[in-house]
Amino acid sequence: MSGVQDHEIVEIFKTYLYPLSEKLTEMLNEHYSHQTERRGCGYTQATRVIAEIVNQARDHQNFQDLRIFSEYETKLLRILLNQSSSYQIALHSWRNLDQHDGLQNCLNIQGVGEQFHQAVLQESGFQAKLRELHQHMQLEESVLICKLIEDIILPKSAEQNGWIELKTLNEKPKVGSCPLAEKFFLKVAHRRLLRQGEINIFIDSHEQPIMIEKLNMGDNHSCISLQPLIMNGVRLPAGCLFSVSYDAQCIPKRANKNYKGNIMSITDVEGFWFLRLTTLVISPENRARAFSHHFKQQVQNGLFRPESTELSQLKAVAQEQI
């Protein structure tokens, strides 16, 4: 990777906190192997890798999520988990240590072992820095990735944010996430549905559109989120690509007002699988920069207005059906 200028995300993590994994670094630095017809670009591929992690429940004893960094040493975290009870501290997780009052208070107690004291300082300091790291980033696309990584390590709660928590499917459905997956959603945003096409709208308890699903237009059961959501403790911005599963025969529904398809409650579905960020997650003025080769593919393949379409247009179409 010599001679390649690091992406802002890669540079900031390396400078202020800890290097990202070799795989993510290669993707975010847009190595040519990711600039393909199937992958789109390194940034898109990085969001697929992150999505795989997001779809797994956060484990409070296992350190697997830390593989997002380059060979993160877990020795001090193991010390914290193993020795905390010796200091009458109830520590059930290695996460959110910087917000654990008992752990922070123990720094002022005499008799705390030097190794334990060092572990508290180092690991809670790391997590506190991670919580603020997005403030160092200038690019819209950098902030998005940074916040996803933050929440993978430091999970949030739906109550904390007032957002809907998505149920996660146990396994990935056979729904694609190729660089042209936005094709029919772009058409829907401009009210250019195919004759046989249908759209389903998933709503919340306040009848607000949360997700839009397309049928008979490319892969069935792919959706784009219209609101920020939470999955397994990770906040996901509006504009994420998902697949969805539900029993079409049994789920309560009512017909859309204008287009073929139905309105359904998001709480009635079996669950979702997060696939990647779509190009619509980034504002039009930054889209070509963020998605580079992926965006070029969309233009070259004649997708409908990929450079100017906004998520708000898709949301308006969904709102009109309710």
C-alpha atoms as a PDB file:
ATOM      1  CA  MET A   1       0.000   0.000   0.000  1.00  0.00           C
ATOM      2  CA  SER A   2       3.042   2.269  -0.194  1.00  0.00           C
ATOM      3  CA  GLY A   3       2.510   5.478  -2.111  1.00  0.00           C
ATOM      4  CA  VAL A   4      -1.251   5.396  -1.499  1.00  0.00           C
ATOM      5  CA  GLN A   5      -2.729   8.318   0.381  1.00  0.00           C
ATOM      6  CA  ASP A   6      -4.824   7.053   3.269  1.00  0.00           C
ATOM      7  CA  HIS A   7      -8.555   7.741   3.308  1.00  0.00           C
ATOM      8  CA  GLU A   8      -9.456  10.235   6.016  1.00  0.00           C
ATOM      9  CA  ILE A   9     -11.058   7.450   8.101  1.00  0.00           C
ATOM     10  CA  VAL A  10      -7.903   5.336   7.960  1.00  0.00           C
ATOM     11  CA  GLU A  11      -5.666   8.311   8.765  1.00  0.00           C
ATOM     12  CA  ILE A  12      -7.715   9.540  11.735  1.00  0.00           C
ATOM     13  CA  PHE A  13      -7.994   6.120  13.345  1.00  0.00           C
ATOM     14  CA  LYS A  14      -4.234   5.584  12.925  1.00  0.00           C
ATOM     15  CA  THR A  15      -3.331   9.057  14.199  1.00  0.00           C
ATOM     16  CA  TYR A  16      -5.718   9.518  17.117  1.00  0.00           C
ATOM     17  CA  LEU A  17      -6.694   6.041  18.253  1.00  0.00           C
ATOM     18  CA  TYR A  18      -5.653   2.702  16.712  1.00  0.00           C
ATOM     19  CA  PRO A  19      -5.219   1.385  13.146  1.00  0.00           C
ATOM     20  CA  LEU A  20      -8.140  -0.312  11.456  1.00  0.00           C
ATOM     21  CA  SER A  21      -7.767  -3.891  10.253  1.00  0.00           C
ATOM     22  CA  GLU A  22      -5.687  -4.526   7.162  1.00  0.00           C
ATOM     23  CA  LYS A  23      -8.807  -5.597   5.255  1.00  0.00           C
ATOM     24  CA  LEU A  24     -10.786  -2.438   6.068  1.00  0.00           C
ATOM     25  CA  THR A  25      -7.735  -0.244   5.440  1.00  0.00           C
ATOM     26  CA  GLU A  26      -7.276  -1.761   1.985  1.00  0.00           C
ATOM     27  CA  MET A  27     -10.957  -1.236   1.157  1.00  0.00           C
ATOM     28  CA  LEU A  28     -11.211   2.327   2.417  1.00  0.00           C
ATOM     29  CA  ASN A  29      -7.990   3.220   0.575  1.00  0.00           C
ATOM     30  CA  GLU A  30      -9.732   2.039  -2.621  1.00  0.00           C
ATOM     31  CA  HIS A  31      -7.379  -0.758  -3.622  1.00  0.00           C
ATOM     32  CA  TYR A  32      -8.056  -1.637  -7.274  1.00  0.00           C
ATOM     33  CA  SER A  33      -9.247  -5.162  -6.328  1.00  0.00           C
ATOM     34  CA  HIS A  34     -12.408  -3.606  -4.879  1.00  0.00           C
ATOM     35  CA  GLN A  35     -13.139  -1.356  -7.872  1.00  0.00           C
ATOM     36  CA  THR A  36     -15.002  -4.081  -9.725  1.00  0.00           C
ATOM     37  CA  GLU A  37     -18.366  -4.568 -11.352  1.00  0.00           C
ATOM     38  CA  ARG A  38     -19.474  -6.811  -8.500  1.00  0.00           C
ATOM     39  CA  ARG A  39     -18.048  -4.917  -5.515  1.00  0.00           C
ATOM     40  CA  GLY A  40     -18.508  -1.345  -6.738  1.00  0.00           C
ATOM     41  CA  CYS A  41     -15.760   0.345  -4.759  1.00  0.00           C
ATOM     42  CA  GLY A  42     -13.749  -0.099  -1.599  1.00  0.00           C
ATOM     43  CA  TYR A  43     -16.020   2.187   0.426  1.00  0.00           C
ATOM     44  CA  THR A  44     -19.085   0.125  -0.547  1.00  0.00           C
ATOM     45  CA  GLN A  45     -17.234  -3.099   0.203  1.00  0.00           C
ATOM     46  CA  ALA A  46     -16.191  -1.746   3.613  1.00  0.00           C
ATOM     47  CA  THR A  47     -19.859  -1.091   4.436  1.00  0.00           C
ATOM     48  CA  ARG A  48     -20.657  -4.719   3.498  1.00  0.00           C
ATOM     49  CA  VAL A  49     -17.942  -5.958   5.876  1.00  0.00           C
ATOM     50  CA  ILE A  50     -19.251  -3.692   8.640  1.00  0.00           C
ATOM     51  CA  ALA A  51     -22.815  -4.887   7.918  1.00  0.00           C
ATOM     52  CA  GLU A  52     -21.756  -8.509   8.512  1.00  0.00           C
ATOM     53  CA  ILE A  53     -20.576  -7.500  11.981  1.00  0.00           C
ATOM     54  CA  VAL A  54     -23.692  -5.419  12.705  1.00  0.00           C
ATOM     55  CA  ASN A  55     -25.958  -8.405  11.931  1.00  0.00           C
ATOM     56  CA  GLN A  56     -24.405 -10.342  14.823  1.00  0.00           C
ATOM     57  CA  ALA A  57     -25.600  -9.681  18.386  1.00  0.00           C
ATOM     58  CA  ARG A  58     -23.063  -7.793  20.496  1.00  0.00           C
ATOM     59  CA  ASP A  59     -21.290 -10.220  22.831  1.00  0.00           C
ATOM     60  CA  HIS A  60     -20.243  -8.785  26.208  1.00  0.00           C
ATOM     61  CA  GLN A  61     -17.545 -11.376  26.988  1.00  0.00           C
ATOM     62  CA  ASN A  62     -16.228 -12.252  23.535  1.00  0.00           C
ATOM     63  CA  PHE A  63     -13.722  -9.876  21.884  1.00  0.00           C
ATOM     64  CA  GLN A  64     -14.562 -10.763  18.281  1.00  0.00           C
ATOM     65  CA  ASP A  65     -15.782  -7.247  17.381  1.00  0.00           C
ATOM     66  CA  LEU A  66     -12.299  -5.896  18.120  1.00  0.00           C
ATOM     67  CA  ARG A  67     -11.066  -7.600  14.948  1.00  0.00           C
ATOM     68  CA  ILE A  68     -12.252  -4.430  13.236  1.00  0.00           C
ATOM     69  CA  PHE A  69      -8.882  -3.075  14.446  1.00  0.00           C
ATOM     70  CA  SER A  70      -5.403  -4.276  13.549  1.00  0.00           C
ATOM     71  CA  GLU A  71      -4.413  -7.000  16.052  1.00  0.00           C
ATOM     72  CA  TYR A  72      -5.990  -5.316  19.088  1.00  0.00           C
ATOM     73  CA  GLU A  73      -4.356  -6.699  22.253  1.00  0.00           C
ATOM     74  CA  THR A  74      -7.082  -7.896  24.669  1.00  0.00           C
ATOM     75  CA  LYS A  75      -4.867  -8.717  27.651  1.00  0.00           C
ATOM     76  CA  LEU A  76      -5.930  -5.680  29.710  1.00  0.00           C
ATOM     77  CA  LEU A  77      -9.601  -6.254  28.959  1.00  0.00           C
ATOM     78  CA  ARG A  78      -9.269  -9.825  30.231  1.00  0.00           C
ATOM     79  CA  ILE A  79      -7.651  -8.494  33.417  1.00  0.00           C
ATOM     80  CA  LEU A  80     -10.598  -6.132  33.955  1.00  0.00           C
ATOM     81  CA  LEU A  81     -13.187  -8.874  33.501  1.00  0.00           C
ATOM     82  CA  ASN A  82     -11.292 -11.389  35.630  1.00  0.00           C
ATOM     83  CA  GLN A  83     -10.261  -9.126  38.529  1.00  0.00           C
ATOM     84  CA  SER A  84     -13.167  -6.652  38.854  1.00  0.00           C
ATOM     85  CA  SER A  85     -15.015  -8.783  41.425  1.00  0.00           C
ATOM     86  CA  SER A  86     -11.929  -8.600  43.690  1.00  0.00           C
ATOM     87  CA  TYR A  87     -12.635  -4.862  44.024  1.00  0.00           C
ATOM     88  CA  GLN A  88     -16.415  -5.344  44.499  1.00  0.00           C
ATOM     89  CA  ILE A  89     -17.099  -4.021  40.988  1.00  0.00           C
ATOM     90  CA  ALA A  90     -19.879  -5.655  39.006  1.00  0.00           C
ATOM     91  CA  LEU A  91     -18.416  -5.768  35.504  1.00  0.00           C
ATOM     92  CA  HIS A  92     -20.403  -7.884  33.066  1.00  0.00           C
ATOM     93  CA  SER A  93     -18.978  -6.461  29.859  1.00  0.00           C
ATOM     94  CA  TRP A  94     -15.763  -5.061  28.397  1.00  0.00           C
ATOM     95  CA  ARG A  95     -17.806  -2.395  26.587  1.00  0.00           C
ATOM     96  CA  ASN A  96     -18.682   1.177  27.646  1.00  0.00           C
ATOM     97  CA  LEU A  97     -15.993   1.087  30.358  1.00  0.00           C
ATOM     98  CA  ASP A  98     -15.591   4.863  30.202  1.00  0.00           C
ATOM     99  CA  GLN A  99     -19.186   5.229  31.414  1.00  0.00           C
ATOM    100  CA  HIS A 100     -18.980   2.630  34.185  1.00  0.00           C
ATOM    101  CA  ASP A 101     -19.126   4.622  37.445  1.00  0.00           C
ATOM    102  CA  GLY A 102     -17.838   1.813  39.663  1.00  0.00           C
ATOM    103  CA  LEU A 103     -14.829   1.276  37.464  1.00  0.00           C
ATOM    104  CA  GLN A 104     -13.964   4.974  37.292  1.00  0.00           C
ATOM    105  CA  ASN A 105     -14.437   5.390  41.064  1.00  0.00           C
ATOM    106  CA  CYS A 106     -12.029   2.536  41.783  1.00  0.00           C
ATOM    107  CA  LEU A 107      -9.179   4.651  40.404  1.00  0.00           C
ATOM    108  CA  ASN A 108      -9.370   6.711  43.596  1.00  0.00           C
ATOM    109  CA  ILE A 109      -9.429   3.710  45.975  1.00  0.00           C
ATOM    110  CA  GLN A 110      -6.228   2.676  47.717  1.00  0.00           C
ATOM    111  CA  GLY A 111      -5.203  -0.933  47.292  1.00  0.00           C
ATOM    112  CA  VAL A 112      -6.212  -1.262  43.681  1.00  0.00           C
ATOM    113  CA  GLY A 113      -3.551  -3.328  41.955  1.00  0.00           C
ATOM    114  CA  GLU A 114      -1.239  -1.476  39.611  1.00  0.00           C
ATOM    115  CA  GLN A 115      -2.068  -3.780  36.705  1.00  0.00           C
ATOM    116  CA  PHE A 116      -5.811  -3.375  37.222  1.00  0.00           C
ATOM    117  CA  HIS A 117      -5.418   0.405  37.610  1.00  0.00           C
ATOM    118  CA  GLN A 118      -3.445   0.544  34.345  1.00  0.00           C
ATOM    119  CA  ALA A 119      -6.069  -1.567  32.583  1.00  0.00           C
ATOM    120  CA  VAL A 120      -8.869   0.773  33.683  1.00  0.00           C
ATOM    121  CA  LEU A 121      -6.953   3.864  32.543  1.00  0.00           C
ATOM    122  CA  GLN A 122      -5.911   2.470  29.181  1.00  0.00           C
ATOM    123  CA  GLU A 123      -9.099   0.698  28.088  1.00  0.00           C
ATOM    124  CA  SER A 124     -11.589   3.288  29.345  1.00  0.00           C
ATOM    125  CA  GLY A 125      -9.391   5.987  27.787  1.00  0.00           C
ATOM    126  CA  PHE A 126      -9.460   4.160  24.443  1.00  0.00           C
ATOM    127  CA  GLN A 127     -13.243   3.893  24.540  1.00  0.00           C
ATOM    128  CA  ALA A 128     -13.719   7.534  25.551  1.00  0.00           C
ATOM    129  CA  LYS A 129     -11.569   8.600  22.561  1.00  0.00           C
ATOM    130  CA  LEU A 130     -13.519   6.316  20.215  1.00  0.00           C
ATOM    131  CA  ARG A 131     -16.750   7.948  21.388  1.00  0.00           C
ATOM    132  CA  GLU A 132     -15.490  11.362  20.247  1.00  0.00           C
ATOM    133  CA  LEU A 133     -13.424  10.338  17.214  1.00  0.00           C
ATOM    134  CA  HIS A 134     -16.002  11.354  14.581  1.00  0.00           C
ATOM    135  CA  GLN A 135     -15.446  14.993  15.599  1.00  0.00           C
ATOM    136  CA  HIS A 136     -12.002  14.859  13.954  1.00  0.00           C
ATOM    137  CA  MET A 137     -13.478  13.906  10.581  1.00  0.00           C
ATOM    138  CA  GLN A 138     -14.405  16.385   7.885  1.00  0.00           C
ATOM    139  CA  LEU A 139     -15.952  14.144   5.231  1.00  0.00           C
ATOM    140  CA  GLU A 140     -19.612  13.107   5.444  1.00  0.00           C
ATOM    141  CA  GLU A 141     -18.755   9.518   4.457  1.00  0.00           C
ATOM    142  CA  SER A 142     -15.991   9.324   7.086  1.00  0.00           C
ATOM    143  CA  VAL A 143     -18.326  10.332   9.912  1.00  0.00           C
ATOM    144  CA  LEU A 144     -20.825   7.634   8.884  1.00  0.00           C
ATOM    145  CA  ILE A 145     -18.257   4.818   9.013  1.00  0.00           C
ATOM    146  CA  CYS A 146     -16.706   6.139  12.221  1.00  0.00           C
ATOM    147  CA  LYS A 147     -20.057   6.143  14.042  1.00  0.00           C
ATOM    148  CA  LEU A 148     -20.813   2.600  12.863  1.00  0.00           C
ATOM    149  CA  ILE A 149     -17.470   1.407  14.242  1.00  0.00           C
ATOM    150  CA  GLU A 150     -18.058   3.326  17.484  1.00  0.00           C
ATOM    151  CA  ASP A 151     -21.380   1.567  18.065  1.00  0.00           C
ATOM    152  CA  ILE A 152     -20.023  -1.885  17.209  1.00  0.00           C
ATOM    153  CA  ILE A 153     -17.583  -1.445  20.112  1.00  0.00           C
ATOM    154  CA  LEU A 154     -19.766   0.815  22.296  1.00  0.00           C
ATOM    155  CA  PRO A 155     -23.365  -0.314  21.610  1.00  0.00           C
ATOM    156  CA  LYS A 156     -26.260   2.067  22.119  1.00  0.00           C
ATOM    157  CA  SER A 157     -29.845   1.354  23.177  1.00  0.00           C
ATOM    158  CA  ALA A 158     -33.022   2.143  21.265  1.00  0.00           C
ATOM    159  CA  GLU A 159     -34.400   3.921  24.356  1.00  0.00           C
ATOM    160  CA  GLN A 160     -31.310   6.132  24.493  1.00  0.00           C
ATOM    161  CA  ASN A 161     -31.986   7.429  20.995  1.00  0.00           C
ATOM    162  CA  GLY A 162     -35.751   7.047  20.679  1.00  0.00           C
ATOM    163  CA  TRP A 163     -35.211   4.962  17.549  1.00  0.00           C
ATOM    164  CA  ILE A 164     -36.821   1.707  16.425  1.00  0.00           C
ATOM    165  CA  GLU A 165     -34.813  -1.456  17.090  1.00  0.00           C
ATOM    166  CA  LEU A 166     -34.844  -3.874  14.167  1.00  0.00           C
ATOM    167  CA  LYS A 167     -35.217  -7.601  14.679  1.00  0.00           C
ATOM    168  CA  THR A 168     -32.304  -9.401  13.014  1.00  0.00           C
ATOM    169  CA  LEU A 169     -32.781 -12.539  10.948  1.00  0.00           C
ATOM    170  CA  ASN A 170     -30.803 -15.614  11.980  1.00  0.00           C
ATOM    171  CA  GLU A 171     -29.255 -16.007   8.547  1.00  0.00           C
ATOM    172  CA  LYS A 172     -28.701 -13.959   5.423  1.00  0.00           C
ATOM    173  CA  PRO A 173     -31.496 -14.305   2.824  1.00  0.00           C
ATOM    174  CA  LYS A 174     -30.638 -14.673  -0.870  1.00  0.00           C
ATOM    175  CA  VAL A 175     -30.943 -10.993  -1.707  1.00  0.00           C
ATOM    176  CA  GLY A 176     -28.115  -9.262  -3.558  1.00  0.00           C
ATOM    177  CA  SER A 177     -26.269  -6.063  -2.718  1.00  0.00           C
ATOM    178  CA  CYS A 178     -24.539  -5.405  -6.049  1.00  0.00           C
ATOM    179  CA  PRO A 179     -23.611  -1.816  -7.022  1.00  0.00           C
ATOM    180  CA  LEU A 180     -26.778  -1.529  -9.131  1.00  0.00           C
ATOM    181  CA  ALA A 181     -29.152  -2.517  -6.293  1.00  0.00           C
ATOM    182  CA  GLU A 182     -30.249   1.137  -6.115  1.00  0.00           C
ATOM    183  CA  LYS A 183     -31.558   0.970  -9.702  1.00  0.00           C
ATOM    184  CA  PHE A 184     -35.252   0.392  -9.022  1.00  0.00           C
ATOM    185  CA  PHE A 185     -35.318   2.465  -5.837  1.00  0.00           C
ATOM    186  CA  LEU A 186     -34.130   5.427  -7.917  1.00  0.00           C
ATOM    187  CA  LYS A 187     -37.007   4.783 -10.319  1.00  0.00           C
ATOM    188  CA  VAL A 188     -39.480   4.547  -7.424  1.00  0.00           C
ATOM    189  CA  ALA A 189     -38.199   7.876  -6.051  1.00  0.00           C
ATOM    190  CA  HIS A 190     -39.210   9.452  -9.386  1.00  0.00           C
ATOM    191  CA  ARG A 191     -42.511   7.527  -9.535  1.00  0.00           C
ATOM    192  CA  ARG A 192     -41.341   5.379 -12.471  1.00  0.00           C
ATOM    193  CA  LEU A 193     -42.395   1.959 -11.229  1.00  0.00           C
ATOM    194  CA  LEU A 194     -42.352  -0.934 -13.668  1.00  0.00           C
ATOM    195  CA  ARG A 195     -45.823  -2.087 -14.717  1.00  0.00           C
ATOM    196  CA  GLN A 196     -45.489  -5.305 -12.713  1.00  0.00           C
ATOM    197  CA  GLY A 197     -43.663  -3.575  -9.854  1.00  0.00           C
ATOM    198  CA  GLU A 198     -44.947  -3.327  -6.295  1.00  0.00           C
ATOM    199  CA  ILE A 199     -43.772  -1.423  -3.246  1.00  0.00           C
ATOM    200  CA  ASN A 200     -44.505  -2.305   0.350  1.00  0.00           C
ATOM    201  CA  ILE A 201     -44.228   0.293   3.091  1.00  0.00           C
ATOM    202  CA  PHE A 202     -43.285  -0.701   6.642  1.00  0.00           C
ATOM    203  CA  ILE A 203     -44.616   1.779   9.174  1.00  0.00           C
ATOM    204  CA  ASP A 204     -44.169   2.461  12.893  1.00  0.00           C
ATOM    205  CA  SER A 205     -46.909   2.799  15.532  1.00  0.00           C
ATOM    206  CA  HIS A 206     -47.401   6.436  14.482  1.00  0.00           C
ATOM    207  CA  GLU A 207     -48.052   5.470  10.833  1.00  0.00           C
ATOM    208  CA  GLN A 208     -44.734   6.937   9.752  1.00  0.00           C
ATOM    209  CA  PRO A 209     -42.878   5.194   6.881  1.00  0.00           C
ATOM    210  CA  ILE A 210     -39.750   3.431   8.166  1.00  0.00           C
ATOM    211  CA  MET A 211     -38.772   1.182   5.259  1.00  0.00           C
ATOM    212  CA  ILE A 212     -39.726   0.758   1.606  1.00  0.00           C
ATOM    213  CA  GLU A 213     -39.560  -2.685  -0.026  1.00  0.00           C
ATOM    214  CA  LYS A 214     -39.652  -3.445  -3.749  1.00  0.00           C
ATOM    215  CA  LEU A 215     -41.179  -6.491  -5.447  1.00  0.00           C
ATOM    216  CA  ASN A 216     -41.000  -7.659  -9.092  1.00  0.00           C
ATOM    217  CA  MET A 217     -38.233  -5.159  -9.771  1.00  0.00           C
ATOM    218  CA  GLY A 218     -34.864  -6.877  -9.482  1.00  0.00           C
ATOM    219  CA  ASP A 219     -34.363  -8.891  -6.294  1.00  0.00           C
ATOM    220  CA  ASN A 220     -37.530  -9.212  -4.248  1.00  0.00           C
ATOM    221  CA  HIS A 221     -37.578  -8.312  -0.555  1.00  0.00           C
ATOM    222  CA  SER A 222     -34.821  -5.706  -0.663  1.00  0.00           C
ATOM    223  CA  CYS A 223     -35.583  -2.542   1.290  1.00  0.00           C
ATOM    224  CA  ILE A 224     -34.161   0.900   1.952  1.00  0.00           C
ATOM    225  CA  SER A 225     -34.539   2.497   5.377  1.00  0.00           C
ATOM    226  CA  LEU A 226     -36.213   5.901   5.432  1.00  0.00           C
ATOM    227  CA  GLN A 227     -35.416   6.728   9.067  1.00  0.00           C
ATOM    228  CA  PRO A 228     -32.422   6.158  11.367  1.00  0.00           C
ATOM    229  CA  LEU A 229     -32.746   2.762  13.087  1.00  0.00           C
ATOM    230  CA  ILE A 230     -30.856   0.571  15.563  1.00  0.00           C
ATOM    231  CA  MET A 231     -29.760  -3.030  15.041  1.00  0.00           C
ATOM    232  CA  ASN A 232     -27.846  -4.989  17.683  1.00  0.00           C
ATOM    233  CA  GLY A 233     -26.821  -1.770  19.429  1.00  0.00           C
ATOM    234  CA  VAL A 234     -25.569  -0.065  16.245  1.00  0.00           C
ATOM    235  CA  ARG A 235     -27.236   3.107  14.989  1.00  0.00           C
ATOM    236  CA  LEU A 236     -27.884   2.877  11.254  1.00  0.00           C
ATOM    237  CA  PRO A 237     -28.531   6.001   9.179  1.00  0.00           C
ATOM    238  CA  ALA A 238     -31.477   6.374   6.820  1.00  0.00           C
ATOM    239  CA  GLY A 239     -30.502   5.041   3.404  1.00  0.00           C
ATOM    240  CA  CYS A 240     -29.308   1.564   4.395  1.00  0.00           C
ATOM    241  CA  LEU A 241     -30.027  -1.462   2.206  1.00  0.00           C
ATOM    242  CA  PHE A 242     -31.707  -4.432   3.909  1.00  0.00           C
ATOM    243  CA  SER A 243     -33.395  -7.679   3.039  1.00  0.00           C
ATOM    244  CA  VAL A 244     -36.593  -8.560   4.892  1.00  0.00           C
ATOM    245  CA  SER A 245     -38.479 -11.744   5.723  1.00  0.00           C
ATOM    246  CA  TYR A 246     -42.162 -12.167   6.644  1.00  0.00           C
ATOM    247  CA  ASP A 247     -45.089 -14.483   5.911  1.00  0.00           C
ATOM    248  CA  ALA A 248     -46.954 -12.690   3.115  1.00  0.00           C
ATOM    249  CA  GLN A 249     -50.074 -14.796   3.732  1.00  0.00           C
ATOM    250  CA  CYS A 250     -50.358 -14.104   7.449  1.00  0.00           C
ATOM    251  CA  ILE A 251     -48.981 -10.597   8.034  1.00  0.00           C
ATOM    252  CA  PRO A 252     -51.690  -7.934   8.611  1.00  0.00           C
ATOM    253  CA  LYS A 253     -51.711  -5.403   5.760  1.00  0.00           C
ATOM    254  CA  ARG A 254     -53.729  -2.860   3.849  1.00  0.00           C
ATOM    255  CA  ALA A 255     -53.396  -1.712   0.254  1.00  0.00           C
ATOM    256  CA  ASN A 256     -51.343   1.325  -0.763  1.00  0.00           C
ATOM    257  CA  LYS A 257     -53.272   4.386  -1.896  1.00  0.00           C
ATOM    258  CA  ASN A 258     -51.555   4.823  -5.273  1.00  0.00           C
ATOM    259  CA  TYR A 259     -49.299   1.917  -6.246  1.00  0.00           C
ATOM    260  CA  LYS A 260     -49.543  -1.859  -6.104  1.00  0.00           C
ATOM    261  CA  GLY A 261     -48.352  -3.115  -2.763  1.00  0.00           C
ATOM    262  CA  ASN A 262     -49.255  -2.847   0.905  1.00  0.00           C
ATOM    263  CA  ILE A 263     -48.767  -1.044   4.181  1.00  0.00           C
ATOM    264  CA  MET A 264     -47.470  -3.253   7.014  1.00  0.00           C
ATOM    265  CA  SER A 265     -46.313  -2.669  10.566  1.00  0.00           C
ATOM    266  CA  ILE A 266     -42.557  -3.038  10.984  1.00  0.00           C
ATOM    267  CA  THR A 267     -43.174  -4.898  14.255  1.00  0.00           C
ATOM    268  CA  ASP A 268     -45.037  -7.689  12.426  1.00  0.00           C
ATOM    269  CA  VAL A 269     -42.134  -8.799  10.227  1.00  0.00           C
ATOM    270  CA  GLU A 270     -39.897 -11.742  11.135  1.00  0.00           C
ATOM    271  CA  GLY A 271     -36.748  -9.646  10.778  1.00  0.00           C
ATOM    272  CA  PHE A 272     -34.219  -7.816   8.611  1.00  0.00           C
ATOM    273  CA  TRP A 273     -30.672  -8.380   7.375  1.00  0.00           C
ATOM    274  CA  PHE A 274     -28.432  -5.327   6.906  1.00  0.00           C
ATOM    275  CA  LEU A 275     -26.618  -5.502   3.548  1.00  0.00           C
ATOM    276  CA  ARG A 276     -24.717  -2.215   3.096  1.00  0.00           C
ATOM    277  CA  LEU A 277     -25.050   1.552   2.835  1.00  0.00           C
ATOM    278  CA  THR A 278     -26.666   2.746  -0.386  1.00  0.00           C
ATOM    279  CA  THR A 279     -25.393   5.721  -2.361  1.00  0.00           C
ATOM    280  CA  LEU A 280     -28.501   7.612  -1.194  1.00  0.00           C
ATOM    281  CA  VAL A 281     -27.090   7.733   2.344  1.00  0.00           C
ATOM    282  CA  ILE A 282     -24.671  10.445   1.185  1.00  0.00           C
ATOM    283  CA  SER A 283     -25.860  13.891   0.049  1.00  0.00           C
ATOM    284  CA  PRO A 284     -25.776  14.387  -3.756  1.00  0.00           C
ATOM    285  CA  GLU A 285     -22.874  16.851  -3.680  1.00  0.00           C
ATOM    286  CA  ASN A 286     -20.587  14.314  -1.946  1.00  0.00           C
ATOM    287  CA  ARG A 287     -21.850  11.097  -3.546  1.00  0.00           C
ATOM    288  CA  ALA A 288     -19.364  10.822  -6.436  1.00  0.00           C
ATOM    289  CA  ARG A 289     -16.435  11.366  -4.044  1.00  0.00           C
ATOM    290  CA  ALA A 290     -17.675   8.910  -1.419  1.00  0.00           C
ATOM    291  CA  PHE A 291     -18.665   6.084  -3.752  1.00  0.00           C
ATOM    292  CA  SER A 292     -16.105   6.696  -6.538  1.00  0.00           C
ATOM    293  CA  HIS A 293     -16.130   3.705  -8.917  1.00  0.00           C
ATOM    294  CA  HIS A 294     -19.500   2.455  -7.600  1.00  0.00           C
ATOM    295  CA  PHE A 295     -21.115   5.784  -8.468  1.00  0.00           C
ATOM    296  CA  LYS A 296     -19.444   5.815 -11.916  1.00  0.00           C
ATOM    297  CA  GLN A 297     -20.926   2.375 -12.566  1.00  0.00           C
ATOM    298  CA  GLN A 298     -24.399   3.678 -11.779  1.00  0.00           C
ATOM    299  CA  VAL A 299     -23.949   6.553 -14.243  1.00  0.00           C
ATOM    300  CA  GLN A 300     -22.426   4.348 -16.957  1.00  0.00           C
ATOM    301  CA  ASN A 301     -25.246   1.816 -16.613  1.00  0.00           C
ATOM    302  CA  GLY A 302     -27.870   4.513 -17.072  1.00  0.00           C
ATOM    303  CA  LEU A 303     -29.450   4.421 -13.630  1.00  0.00           C
ATOM    304  CA  PHE A 304     -32.064   7.155 -13.244  1.00  0.00           C
ATOM    305  CA  ARG A 305     -30.526  10.340 -11.815  1.00  0.00           C
ATOM    306  CA  PRO A 306     -28.104   8.748  -9.310  1.00  0.00           C
ATOM    307  CA  GLU A 307     -26.296  12.083  -8.986  1.00  0.00           C
ATOM    308  CA  SER A 308     -29.298  14.112  -7.787  1.00  0.00           C
ATOM    309  CA  THR A 309     -31.935  11.805  -6.278  1.00  0.00           C
ATOM    310  CA  GLU A 310     -32.453  12.282  -2.555  1.00  0.00           C
ATOM    311  CA  LEU A 311     -33.820   9.955   0.087  1.00  0.00           C
ATOM    312  CA  SER A 312     -36.527  12.508   0.872  1.00  0.00           C
ATOM    313  CA  GLN A 313     -38.074  11.767  -2.550  1.00  0.00           C
ATOM    314  CA  LEU A 314     -38.352   8.075  -1.721  1.00  0.00           C
ATOM    315  CA  LYS A 315     -39.807   8.974   1.667  1.00  0.00           C
ATOM    316  CA  ALA A 316     -42.418  11.196  -0.010  1.00  0.00           C
ATOM    317  CA  VAL A 317     -43.527   8.340  -2.287  1.00  0.00           C
ATOM    318  CA  ALA A 318     -43.852   6.082   0.760  1.00  0.00           C
ATOM    319  CA  GLN A 319     -45.801   8.738   2.688  1.00  0.00           C
ATOM    320  CA  GLU A 320     -48.285   9.111  -0.177  1.00  0.00           C
ATOM    321  CA  GLN A 321     -49.256   5.443   0.120  1.00  0.00           C
ATOM    322  CA  ILE A 322     -50.317   5.631   3.760  1.00  0.00           C
END
